[in-house]
Amino acid sequence: NVTAVGATHAKIRVQYAEQITYYYLDDSSGPSVGINTTGLKVSTWIDLCDGAKADVYLRLVGIGGDGIVNPAFGLIAVQVK
């Protein structure tokens, strides 16, 4: 839930790591949601890569920001199946 918008092209994405190096859950660039408007954001479903199907660490990363605008978020949840 975006409560204050980010820069025009700003997005947040989810990454995983077994310990040190982080990768995207689909081994490419997803999942990802734009944060340039307020409200509830939901990504499309992705196919998890094999490395993400284990006991891993998750983190959110922001991309496309401008270093000036500070987005704000409510509840953030990650759902996998």
N, C-alpha and C. Protein backbone atom coordinates (compact mmCIF):
# COMPACT_ATOMS: atom_id res chain seq x y z
N ASN A 1 0.85 -1.18 0.00
CA ASN A 1 0.00 0.00 0.00
C ASN A 1 0.89 1.23 0.00
N VAL A 2 0.87 1.99 -1.09
CA VAL A 2 1.69 3.21 -1.21
C VAL A 2 0.91 4.37 -0.60
N THR A 3 1.48 5.00 0.44
CA THR A 3 0.80 6.11 1.10
C THR A 3 1.36 7.46 0.67
N ALA A 4 2.59 7.50 0.15
CA ALA A 4 3.18 8.71 -0.44
C ALA A 4 3.97 8.25 -1.67
N VAL A 5 3.74 8.89 -2.80
CA VAL A 5 4.29 8.42 -4.07
C VAL A 5 5.80 8.58 -4.17
N GLY A 6 6.39 7.74 -5.03
CA GLY A 6 7.80 7.85 -5.37
C GLY A 6 7.95 8.59 -6.69
N ALA A 7 9.15 8.65 -7.20
CA ALA A 7 9.44 9.31 -8.47
C ALA A 7 8.66 8.64 -9.60
N THR A 8 8.58 9.29 -10.73
CA THR A 8 7.78 8.83 -11.87
C THR A 8 8.04 7.38 -12.26
N HIS A 9 9.29 6.94 -12.30
CA HIS A 9 9.63 5.59 -12.76
C HIS A 9 10.01 4.67 -11.60
N ALA A 10 9.73 5.07 -10.37
CA ALA A 10 10.13 4.29 -9.21
C ALA A 10 9.30 3.01 -9.08
N LYS A 11 9.98 1.94 -8.66
CA LYS A 11 9.34 0.64 -8.43
C LYS A 11 9.96 -0.01 -7.20
N ILE A 12 9.22 -0.94 -6.61
CA ILE A 12 9.83 -1.82 -5.63
C ILE A 12 9.75 -3.25 -6.17
N ARG A 13 10.79 -4.02 -5.84
CA ARG A 13 10.89 -5.41 -6.28
C ARG A 13 11.30 -6.27 -5.11
N VAL A 14 11.07 -7.57 -5.23
CA VAL A 14 11.45 -8.52 -4.19
C VAL A 14 12.62 -9.35 -4.69
N GLN A 15 13.60 -9.54 -3.81
CA GLN A 15 14.75 -10.37 -4.13
C GLN A 15 14.93 -11.42 -3.03
N TYR A 16 15.66 -12.48 -3.34
CA TYR A 16 15.96 -13.52 -2.36
C TYR A 16 17.47 -13.76 -2.33
N ALA A 17 17.93 -14.33 -1.24
CA ALA A 17 19.33 -14.75 -1.12
C ALA A 17 19.40 -15.93 -0.18
N GLU A 18 20.33 -16.84 -0.44
CA GLU A 18 20.59 -17.92 0.50
C GLU A 18 21.45 -17.39 1.64
N GLN A 19 22.40 -16.53 1.37
CA GLN A 19 23.20 -15.89 2.41
C GLN A 19 23.73 -14.54 1.98
N ILE A 20 24.44 -14.46 0.86
CA ILE A 20 25.14 -13.22 0.53
C ILE A 20 24.58 -12.52 -0.71
N THR A 21 24.53 -13.20 -1.84
CA THR A 21 24.13 -12.58 -3.10
C THR A 21 22.63 -12.65 -3.29
N TYR A 22 22.04 -11.51 -3.66
CA TYR A 22 20.59 -11.44 -3.89
C TYR A 22 20.26 -11.54 -5.36
N TYR A 23 19.13 -12.20 -5.65
CA TYR A 23 18.64 -12.41 -7.01
C TYR A 23 17.14 -12.12 -7.02
N TYR A 24 16.60 -11.83 -8.21
CA TYR A 24 15.16 -11.67 -8.33
C TYR A 24 14.47 -13.04 -8.28
N LEU A 25 13.26 -13.07 -7.76
CA LEU A 25 12.55 -14.32 -7.54
C LEU A 25 12.30 -15.11 -8.83
N ASP A 26 12.21 -14.41 -9.96
CA ASP A 26 11.99 -15.10 -11.23
C ASP A 26 13.29 -15.22 -12.03
N ASP A 27 14.41 -14.88 -11.40
CA ASP A 27 15.75 -14.91 -12.02
C ASP A 27 15.90 -13.86 -13.11
N SER A 28 15.01 -12.87 -13.14
CA SER A 28 15.06 -11.83 -14.15
C SER A 28 14.91 -10.46 -13.50
N SER A 29 13.65 -10.02 -13.27
CA SER A 29 13.41 -8.70 -12.67
C SER A 29 12.13 -8.64 -11.85
N GLY A 30 11.56 -9.76 -11.52
CA GLY A 30 10.25 -9.71 -10.87
C GLY A 30 10.21 -10.46 -9.57
N PRO A 31 9.16 -10.21 -8.83
CA PRO A 31 8.02 -9.34 -9.10
C PRO A 31 8.37 -7.87 -8.90
N SER A 32 7.55 -7.00 -9.47
CA SER A 32 7.81 -5.57 -9.45
C SER A 32 6.48 -4.81 -9.47
N VAL A 33 6.42 -3.70 -8.72
CA VAL A 33 5.24 -2.83 -8.77
C VAL A 33 5.69 -1.38 -8.83
N GLY A 34 4.97 -0.59 -9.62
CA GLY A 34 5.23 0.85 -9.69
C GLY A 34 4.72 1.52 -8.43
N ILE A 35 5.45 2.55 -7.98
CA ILE A 35 5.05 3.26 -6.76
C ILE A 35 4.89 4.75 -7.02
N ASN A 36 4.50 5.11 -8.25
CA ASN A 36 4.33 6.51 -8.61
C ASN A 36 2.90 7.01 -8.40
N THR A 37 2.04 6.15 -7.87
CA THR A 37 0.69 6.56 -7.47
C THR A 37 0.38 5.92 -6.13
N THR A 38 -0.53 6.52 -5.39
CA THR A 38 -0.90 5.97 -4.09
C THR A 38 -1.90 4.83 -4.24
N GLY A 39 -2.04 4.07 -3.18
CA GLY A 39 -3.03 3.00 -3.15
C GLY A 39 -2.41 1.62 -3.14
N LEU A 40 -3.27 0.62 -3.16
CA LEU A 40 -2.86 -0.77 -3.12
C LEU A 40 -2.21 -1.17 -4.44
N LYS A 41 -1.05 -1.80 -4.35
CA LYS A 41 -0.33 -2.26 -5.54
C LYS A 41 -0.17 -3.77 -5.47
N VAL A 42 -0.43 -4.44 -6.58
CA VAL A 42 -0.33 -5.89 -6.64
C VAL A 42 0.40 -6.25 -7.93
N SER A 43 1.46 -7.05 -7.80
CA SER A 43 2.19 -7.47 -9.00
C SER A 43 1.46 -8.63 -9.67
N THR A 44 1.91 -8.96 -10.86
CA THR A 44 1.40 -10.16 -11.52
C THR A 44 2.06 -11.37 -10.87
N TRP A 45 1.47 -12.54 -11.04
CA TRP A 45 2.09 -13.77 -10.56
C TRP A 45 3.31 -14.07 -11.42
N ILE A 46 4.35 -14.58 -10.78
CA ILE A 46 5.55 -14.99 -11.51
C ILE A 46 5.86 -16.44 -11.18
N ASP A 47 6.66 -17.07 -12.02
CA ASP A 47 7.15 -18.41 -11.72
C ASP A 47 8.47 -18.28 -10.96
N LEU A 48 8.52 -18.85 -9.75
CA LEU A 48 9.74 -18.79 -8.95
C LEU A 48 10.85 -19.59 -9.62
N CYS A 49 12.06 -19.04 -9.63
CA CYS A 49 13.20 -19.82 -10.11
C CYS A 49 13.56 -20.85 -9.04
N ASP A 50 14.30 -21.87 -9.41
CA ASP A 50 14.61 -22.96 -8.49
C ASP A 50 15.31 -22.48 -7.23
N GLY A 51 16.21 -21.51 -7.34
CA GLY A 51 16.94 -21.02 -6.18
C GLY A 51 16.06 -20.39 -5.12
N ALA A 52 14.92 -19.83 -5.54
CA ALA A 52 13.99 -19.18 -4.61
C ALA A 52 13.09 -20.17 -3.89
N LYS A 53 13.12 -21.44 -4.31
CA LYS A 53 12.26 -22.47 -3.72
C LYS A 53 12.99 -23.19 -2.60
N ALA A 54 13.51 -22.44 -1.67
CA ALA A 54 14.29 -23.00 -0.56
C ALA A 54 14.11 -22.08 0.64
N ASP A 55 14.82 -22.38 1.70
CA ASP A 55 14.81 -21.54 2.89
C ASP A 55 15.74 -20.36 2.62
N VAL A 56 15.17 -19.21 2.23
CA VAL A 56 15.96 -18.06 1.78
C VAL A 56 15.56 -16.79 2.54
N TYR A 57 16.41 -15.79 2.43
CA TYR A 57 16.11 -14.45 2.94
C TYR A 57 15.43 -13.67 1.83
N LEU A 58 14.48 -12.79 2.20
CA LEU A 58 13.82 -11.91 1.23
C LEU A 58 14.11 -10.47 1.59
N ARG A 59 14.17 -9.63 0.58
CA ARG A 59 14.28 -8.18 0.82
C ARG A 59 13.54 -7.43 -0.27
N LEU A 60 13.12 -6.22 0.06
CA LEU A 60 12.52 -5.31 -0.92
C LEU A 60 13.61 -4.35 -1.38
N VAL A 61 13.64 -4.07 -2.66
CA VAL A 61 14.58 -3.09 -3.21
C VAL A 61 13.81 -2.07 -4.01
N GLY A 62 14.27 -0.85 -3.94
CA GLY A 62 13.68 0.22 -4.73
C GLY A 62 14.56 0.52 -5.92
N ILE A 63 13.95 0.76 -7.07
CA ILE A 63 14.70 1.14 -8.27
C ILE A 63 14.00 2.32 -8.93
N GLY A 64 14.73 3.07 -9.72
CA GLY A 64 14.15 4.16 -10.51
C GLY A 64 13.82 5.41 -9.74
N GLY A 65 14.28 5.51 -8.50
CA GLY A 65 14.03 6.71 -7.72
C GLY A 65 14.91 7.87 -8.18
N ASP A 66 14.60 9.05 -7.67
CA ASP A 66 15.37 10.22 -8.08
C ASP A 66 16.21 10.80 -6.94
N GLY A 67 16.18 10.18 -5.76
CA GLY A 67 16.96 10.67 -4.63
C GLY A 67 16.36 11.89 -3.96
N ILE A 68 15.21 12.35 -4.43
CA ILE A 68 14.58 13.54 -3.86
C ILE A 68 13.23 13.18 -3.22
N VAL A 69 12.37 12.53 -4.00
CA VAL A 69 11.03 12.17 -3.52
C VAL A 69 11.15 10.94 -2.62
N ASN A 70 10.51 10.99 -1.46
CA ASN A 70 10.56 9.89 -0.50
C ASN A 70 9.21 9.19 -0.42
N PRO A 71 9.09 8.01 -1.03
CA PRO A 71 7.82 7.28 -0.94
C PRO A 71 7.61 6.76 0.47
N ALA A 72 6.37 6.46 0.79
CA ALA A 72 6.03 5.86 2.08
C ALA A 72 5.04 4.73 1.83
N PHE A 73 5.11 3.73 2.72
CA PHE A 73 4.32 2.52 2.53
C PHE A 73 3.58 2.15 3.80
N GLY A 74 2.41 1.53 3.61
CA GLY A 74 1.70 0.88 4.68
C GLY A 74 2.16 -0.57 4.72
N LEU A 75 1.25 -1.47 4.94
CA LEU A 75 1.56 -2.90 4.99
C LEU A 75 2.12 -3.40 3.67
N ILE A 76 3.19 -4.17 3.75
CA ILE A 76 3.77 -4.82 2.58
C ILE A 76 3.75 -6.32 2.84
N ALA A 77 3.22 -7.10 1.91
CA ALA A 77 3.14 -8.55 2.07
C ALA A 77 3.63 -9.23 0.80
N VAL A 78 4.23 -10.40 0.97
CA VAL A 78 4.67 -11.20 -0.16
C VAL A 78 3.93 -12.54 -0.06
N GLN A 79 3.27 -12.92 -1.13
CA GLN A 79 2.51 -14.18 -1.15
C GLN A 79 3.09 -15.08 -2.22
N VAL A 80 3.36 -16.32 -1.86
CA VAL A 80 3.86 -17.30 -2.83
C VAL A 80 2.98 -18.54 -2.77
N LYS A 81 2.98 -19.29 -3.85
CA LYS A 81 2.22 -20.53 -3.85
C LYS A 81 2.96 -21.57 -4.63
